[in-house]
Protein backbone atom coordinates (compact mmCIF):
# COMPACT_ATOMS: atom_id res chain seq x y z
CA MET A 1 55.92 132.34 127.06
CA LYS A 2 53.91 135.14 128.97
CA LYS A 3 51.09 134.21 131.02
CA SER A 4 47.64 134.23 129.59
CA ASP A 5 44.18 134.09 130.74
CA PRO A 6 42.22 131.26 129.03
CA GLU A 7 38.86 132.19 130.64
CA LYS A 8 39.10 135.61 129.18
CA TYR A 9 39.61 134.29 125.71
CA LYS A 10 37.08 131.78 126.15
CA LEU A 11 34.39 134.57 126.09
CA PHE A 12 35.51 135.66 122.79
CA PHE A 13 35.08 132.08 121.47
CA ASP A 14 31.68 131.76 123.16
CA GLU A 15 30.49 134.78 121.51
CA LEU A 16 31.99 133.80 118.35
CA ALA A 17 30.09 130.76 118.46
CA LYS A 18 26.51 132.47 118.80
CA ARG A 19 26.73 134.46 115.92
CA ILE A 20 28.71 136.47 113.21
CA LEU A 21 30.76 139.12 114.62
CA VAL A 22 31.09 142.61 113.05
CA CYS A 23 34.83 144.06 112.82
CA ASP A 24 35.38 147.55 112.13
CA GLY A 25 36.54 149.39 108.81
CA ALA A 26 39.49 151.61 107.83
CA MET A 27 41.50 153.60 110.28
CA GLY A 28 44.14 155.35 108.04
CA THR A 29 41.72 157.26 105.92
CA GLU A 30 39.39 158.04 108.66
CA LEU A 31 42.34 159.81 110.54
CA GLN A 32 43.32 161.80 107.38
CA ALA A 33 39.46 162.99 107.02
CA ARG A 34 40.05 164.11 110.88
CA GLY A 35 43.10 166.11 109.78
CA VAL A 36 45.92 163.44 111.20
CA SER A 37 49.07 163.43 109.12
CA GLY A 38 52.31 161.69 109.07
CA CYS A 39 52.73 158.24 110.54
CA PRO A 40 49.06 157.03 111.52
CA ASP A 41 50.45 154.62 114.25
CA ALA A 42 52.18 157.67 116.05
CA ALA A 43 48.73 159.04 116.56
CA ASN A 44 48.66 156.86 119.74
CA ILE A 45 50.89 158.87 121.41
CA ASP A 46 50.32 162.18 120.25
CA LYS A 47 48.35 164.27 122.81
CA GLY A 48 46.09 165.85 120.02
CA ALA A 49 45.60 163.01 117.64
CA ARG A 50 44.82 160.43 119.91
CA GLU A 51 41.58 161.86 120.68
CA LYS A 52 40.78 161.55 117.00
CA VAL A 53 41.87 157.67 117.01
CA VAL A 54 39.33 157.23 119.84
CA SER A 55 36.87 159.19 118.01
CA VAL A 56 37.32 156.84 115.11
CA HIS A 57 36.91 153.61 117.34
CA LEU A 58 33.77 155.12 118.92
CA ASP A 59 32.32 156.11 115.63
CA TYR A 60 32.71 152.54 114.68
CA LEU A 61 31.01 151.06 117.98
CA LYS A 62 28.42 153.32 117.15
CA ALA A 63 28.06 151.69 113.61
CA GLY A 64 27.78 148.41 115.09
CA SER A 65 31.15 146.98 115.14
CA ASP A 66 31.52 144.19 117.76
CA ILE A 67 35.22 144.23 117.42
CA ILE A 68 37.60 147.25 117.10
CA GLN A 69 41.21 146.98 115.73
CA THR A 70 43.91 149.06 117.40
CA ASN A 71 45.60 151.80 115.64
CA THR A 72 48.74 149.32 115.19
CA PHE A 73 48.90 148.26 111.50
CA GLY A 74 52.24 149.53 111.10
CA ALA A 75 53.63 149.32 114.48
CA ASN A 76 55.85 146.66 114.35
CA PRO A 77 59.77 147.69 115.17
CA VAL A 78 60.64 147.12 111.50
CA LYS A 79 57.99 149.19 109.97
CA LEU A 80 58.41 151.96 112.56
CA SER A 81 62.04 152.14 111.90
CA SER A 82 61.35 153.49 108.24
CA CYS A 83 59.80 156.62 110.23
CA GLY A 84 62.26 156.74 113.06
CA LEU A 85 59.90 155.12 115.86
CA GLU A 86 61.39 151.80 116.44
CA ALA A 87 62.18 153.25 120.29
CA GLU A 88 58.50 153.82 120.48
CA THR A 89 57.25 150.31 119.56
CA GLY A 90 56.32 149.78 123.10
CA SER A 91 54.33 153.15 123.89
CA ILE A 92 52.64 153.25 120.30
CA ASN A 93 51.08 149.50 121.05
CA ARG A 94 50.38 150.23 124.81
CA GLU A 95 48.53 153.37 124.23
CA ALA A 96 46.72 151.91 121.01
CA VAL A 97 44.89 149.63 123.32
CA VAL A 98 44.36 151.90 126.00
CA ASN A 99 42.59 154.35 122.99
CA ALA A 100 40.38 151.36 121.98
CA ARG A 101 39.43 150.28 125.52
CA GLU A 102 38.35 154.20 126.31
CA ALA A 103 36.51 154.12 123.13
CA ILE A 104 34.64 151.22 124.59
CA GLU A 105 34.07 152.36 127.92
CA MET A 106 32.66 155.66 126.54
CA PHE A 107 30.33 153.81 124.44
CA HIS A 108 29.16 151.69 127.17
CA SER A 109 28.56 154.60 129.54
CA ALA A 110 26.59 156.43 126.98
CA SER A 111 24.40 153.76 125.53
CA SER A 112 25.17 149.86 125.38
CA PRO A 113 26.57 148.75 128.70
CA GLY A 114 25.36 145.02 128.37
CA LYS A 115 26.79 144.24 124.97
CA ARG A 116 30.28 142.71 124.83
CA HIS A 117 32.81 144.19 122.62
CA PHE A 118 36.37 143.22 121.50
CA ILE A 119 39.90 144.78 120.88
CA ALA A 120 41.74 143.13 118.24
CA GLY A 121 45.46 143.91 118.25
CA ASP A 122 46.09 144.98 114.77
CA VAL A 123 49.21 143.59 113.43
CA GLY A 124 50.15 144.60 109.60
CA PRO A 125 53.25 143.59 107.53
CA THR A 126 56.84 144.90 108.08
CA GLY A 127 57.18 146.40 104.64
CA ARG A 128 60.02 144.44 103.72
CA LEU A 129 60.45 141.12 101.70
CA MET A 130 61.38 137.97 103.35
CA GLU A 131 63.87 135.63 102.33
CA PRO A 132 64.56 134.29 99.56
CA SER A 133 62.90 137.19 97.81
CA GLY A 134 64.36 139.77 100.31
CA ASP A 135 66.79 140.24 103.08
CA LEU A 136 64.59 139.98 105.98
CA LYS A 137 65.38 136.87 107.59
CA TYR A 138 62.37 134.76 109.32
CA SER A 139 64.04 134.84 112.77
CA LYS A 140 64.14 138.80 112.55
CA ALA A 141 60.39 138.71 111.51
CA VAL A 142 59.34 136.38 114.37
CA ASP A 143 61.42 138.58 116.74
CA ALA A 144 59.78 141.88 115.55
CA PHE A 145 56.18 140.76 115.54
CA SER A 146 56.73 139.26 118.98
CA ARG A 147 57.98 142.77 120.24
CA GLN A 148 54.66 144.35 119.09
CA ILE A 149 52.44 141.41 119.97
CA SER A 150 53.88 141.06 123.53
CA VAL A 151 52.77 144.49 124.37
CA LEU A 152 49.62 144.09 122.68
CA ILE A 153 48.60 141.29 124.94
CA GLU A 154 50.02 142.31 127.89
CA THR A 155 47.87 145.73 127.56
CA GLY A 156 44.83 143.80 127.29
CA ALA A 157 43.89 142.99 123.60
CA ASP A 158 41.05 140.32 123.15
CA LEU A 159 42.56 138.85 120.19
CA ILE A 160 45.63 139.33 117.66
CA LEU A 161 44.36 139.97 114.07
CA ILE A 162 47.23 139.81 111.62
CA GLU A 163 46.36 141.27 108.28
CA THR A 164 47.05 142.58 104.81
CA ILE A 165 49.85 139.77 104.35
CA MET A 166 51.03 139.01 100.99
CA ASP A 167 53.99 136.65 101.74
CA LEU A 168 52.74 133.39 103.32
CA ASN A 169 56.28 133.06 105.07
CA GLU A 170 55.71 136.63 106.70
CA ALA A 171 52.24 135.54 108.00
CA LEU A 172 53.59 132.35 109.24
CA ALA A 173 56.24 134.15 111.28
CA ALA A 174 53.70 136.53 112.53
CA ALA A 175 51.45 133.58 113.80
CA ALA A 176 54.48 132.25 115.45
CA ALA A 177 54.95 135.15 117.25
CA ALA A 178 51.41 135.08 118.41
CA ARG A 179 51.88 131.50 119.46
CA LYS A 180 55.15 132.07 121.15
CA ILE A 181 53.60 135.08 123.35
CA SER A 182 50.39 132.99 124.25
CA GLU A 183 48.94 129.84 123.76
CA SER A 184 45.63 130.69 124.30
CA ILE A 185 44.89 134.18 122.87
CA PRO A 186 42.56 133.82 119.90
CA VAL A 187 44.49 134.47 116.62
CA ALA A 188 42.96 135.53 113.37
CA CYS A 189 45.09 136.18 109.93
CA THR A 190 43.98 137.33 106.84
CA MET A 191 46.06 137.51 103.68
CA SER A 192 45.73 140.03 100.72
CA PHE A 193 44.74 138.06 97.48
CA GLY A 194 43.98 139.18 94.04
CA GLU A 195 40.73 138.61 92.10
CA ASN A 196 42.25 135.01 91.33
CA GLY A 197 42.94 134.22 94.83
CA VAL A 198 46.68 134.24 94.70
CA THR A 199 48.90 136.86 96.37
CA LEU A 200 51.50 138.83 94.77
CA MET A 201 54.09 136.27 95.98
CA GLY A 202 52.05 133.45 94.38
CA ASN A 203 50.33 132.03 97.54
CA LYS A 204 46.92 130.47 96.94
CA ALA A 205 44.03 131.31 99.27
CA GLU A 206 42.91 127.97 99.91
CA GLU A 207 46.36 126.59 100.47
CA SER A 208 47.53 129.31 102.53
CA ALA A 209 44.34 129.11 104.86
CA GLY A 210 45.42 125.55 105.55
CA ALA A 211 48.93 126.54 106.42
CA LEU A 212 47.73 129.28 108.70
CA LEU A 213 45.39 126.76 110.54
CA ASP A 214 48.39 124.43 110.97
CA ALA A 215 50.49 127.33 112.60
CA GLY A 216 47.86 127.44 115.12
CA CYS A 217 45.72 130.50 113.65
CA ASP A 218 41.78 130.02 114.99
CA ILE A 219 40.36 132.10 112.37
CA VAL A 220 41.76 132.67 108.53
CA GLY A 221 40.59 134.70 105.76
CA ALA A 222 41.23 137.49 103.18
CA ASN A 223 41.53 141.24 103.42
CA CYS A 224 42.41 144.25 101.05
CA SER A 225 43.57 144.30 97.61
CA VAL A 226 39.90 143.85 96.06
CA GLY A 227 36.51 144.98 96.54
CA SER A 228 33.63 143.20 98.18
CA ASP A 229 32.23 142.11 94.81
CA SER A 230 35.90 140.44 93.60
CA MET A 231 36.11 138.83 96.93
CA LEU A 232 33.10 136.84 97.03
CA GLU A 233 35.12 134.11 94.69
CA ILE A 234 37.74 134.23 97.25
CA VAL A 235 35.29 133.55 99.90
CA LYS A 236 33.96 130.47 98.32
CA LYS A 237 37.41 128.89 97.54
CA ILE A 238 38.38 128.99 101.31
CA ARG A 239 35.22 127.67 102.41
CA SER A 240 35.33 124.98 99.79
CA ALA A 241 38.75 123.81 100.95
CA TRP A 242 38.20 124.20 104.80
CA PRO A 243 34.36 123.44 105.56
CA GLU A 244 34.59 123.82 109.23
CA ALA A 245 37.19 126.40 109.75
CA ARG A 246 36.14 129.96 111.44
CA LEU A 247 36.58 132.54 108.51
CA ILE A 248 37.09 136.14 108.47
CA PHE A 249 36.72 138.64 105.35
CA GLN A 250 37.55 142.33 105.29
CA PRO A 251 37.19 143.64 101.77
CA ASN A 252 37.94 147.01 100.27
CA ALA A 253 35.05 149.35 99.52
CA GLY A 254 35.92 148.77 95.83
CA LEU A 255 38.71 150.12 93.73
CA PRO A 256 40.45 153.60 94.32
CA VAL A 257 39.93 156.47 91.90
CA ILE A 258 41.07 159.84 91.87
CA LYS A 259 38.15 162.25 92.44
CA ASP A 260 38.85 165.93 92.84
CA GLY A 261 42.15 165.42 93.33
CA ARG A 262 41.80 162.90 96.05
CA THR A 263 41.69 159.07 96.51
CA ALA A 264 38.12 157.56 96.77
CA TYR A 265 36.66 154.42 96.67
CA ASN A 266 33.83 153.36 94.50
CA GLU A 267 31.56 151.13 96.77
CA THR A 268 28.83 152.97 98.43
CA PRO A 269 27.59 151.31 101.89
CA ASP A 270 24.77 149.96 100.04
CA ILE A 271 26.63 148.16 97.13
CA MET A 272 29.02 146.84 99.88
CA ALA A 273 26.52 145.19 102.00
CA ASP A 274 24.53 144.07 99.23
CA ASN A 275 27.69 142.16 98.01
CA ILE A 276 28.58 140.97 101.58
CA SER A 277 25.19 139.70 101.97
CA ARG A 278 26.09 136.92 99.49
CA TYR A 279 29.25 136.06 101.90
CA LEU A 280 26.66 134.85 104.43
CA ALA A 281 25.88 131.54 102.70
CA CYS A 282 29.72 130.70 103.32
CA ARG A 283 29.08 130.94 107.21
CA PRO A 284 31.79 133.60 108.06
CA SER A 285 32.57 133.99 111.49
CA ILE A 286 33.80 137.73 111.35
CA ILE A 287 32.90 140.24 108.59
CA GLY A 288 34.46 143.95 108.56
CA ALA A 289 35.66 146.12 105.88
CA CYS A 290 39.22 147.64 104.66
CA CYS A 291 40.45 150.39 102.65
CA GLY A 292 37.93 153.10 101.76
CA SER A 293 35.42 151.82 104.10
CA THR A 294 33.54 154.18 106.82
CA PRO A 295 31.35 153.98 109.78
CA ASP A 296 28.59 154.32 107.26
CA HIS A 297 29.88 151.01 105.25
CA ILE A 298 29.89 149.21 108.70
CA ARG A 299 26.50 150.19 109.63
CA LYS A 300 25.06 148.95 106.33
CA ILE A 301 27.20 145.75 107.01
CA ALA A 302 26.12 145.28 110.48
CA SER A 303 22.47 145.68 109.39
CA ILE A 304 22.52 142.84 107.11
CA VAL A 305 24.71 140.58 109.37
């Protein structure tokens, strides 16, 4: 286990106890809109593209995000191997934290030096099915996540955010990796559920939340798969099952549709913020957005939070 700084992480928990923190929105679609193609994670180490990564972070900060997620959704070595980048696992994750920190420093120097902002080390799925449904062993998943999370923590992430997981076993492997590296860093985990509150692998929202809390996650919830209207019932299920838990929710900006030959999402910033306003009665700790969301969506969400 690597050395960690409990006092540093205490600052995050102190802030979380005071108010709802606003996370950011989609990274991949924002990079595409700025002309970045190919593997999004590789943009962290590309001289030209990294400036666009920083610009996405900066736009979310300007919109009101308290937390920005590193551009590392697919930066575990198993996922990176699919595009020939496994050897760059360390540099991609390291530079992702550096890019996020640069955006925060730019934002503070320009407008808001007194407000605290946090970097979430973003950890997405491996893209492989876990045993027994697939061939990825639990131990290999833990090792892969450990390689990524170790770099994120060493480079200065304030928390680890495991997201968009559809198999509870994979989420537990990622949580185990985080706790293997640090006992004290805040760990959040969101799984992706259908409108019925069940993942594609058959994991129920309320049961998954309990398993993740038992595994050492500090904050649990849901992201992706459904729009902000449909996610409300999932929010209620998890809160009902776990009255005192810290919860995080990051829905999509509605459902994808094809418009002028391109994928678009059908929830405007106003619609999304109005839907999310109904989450507040369930006392979430962190609210953000996922696929299809933009800085404009986050600006509206921040205004209602």
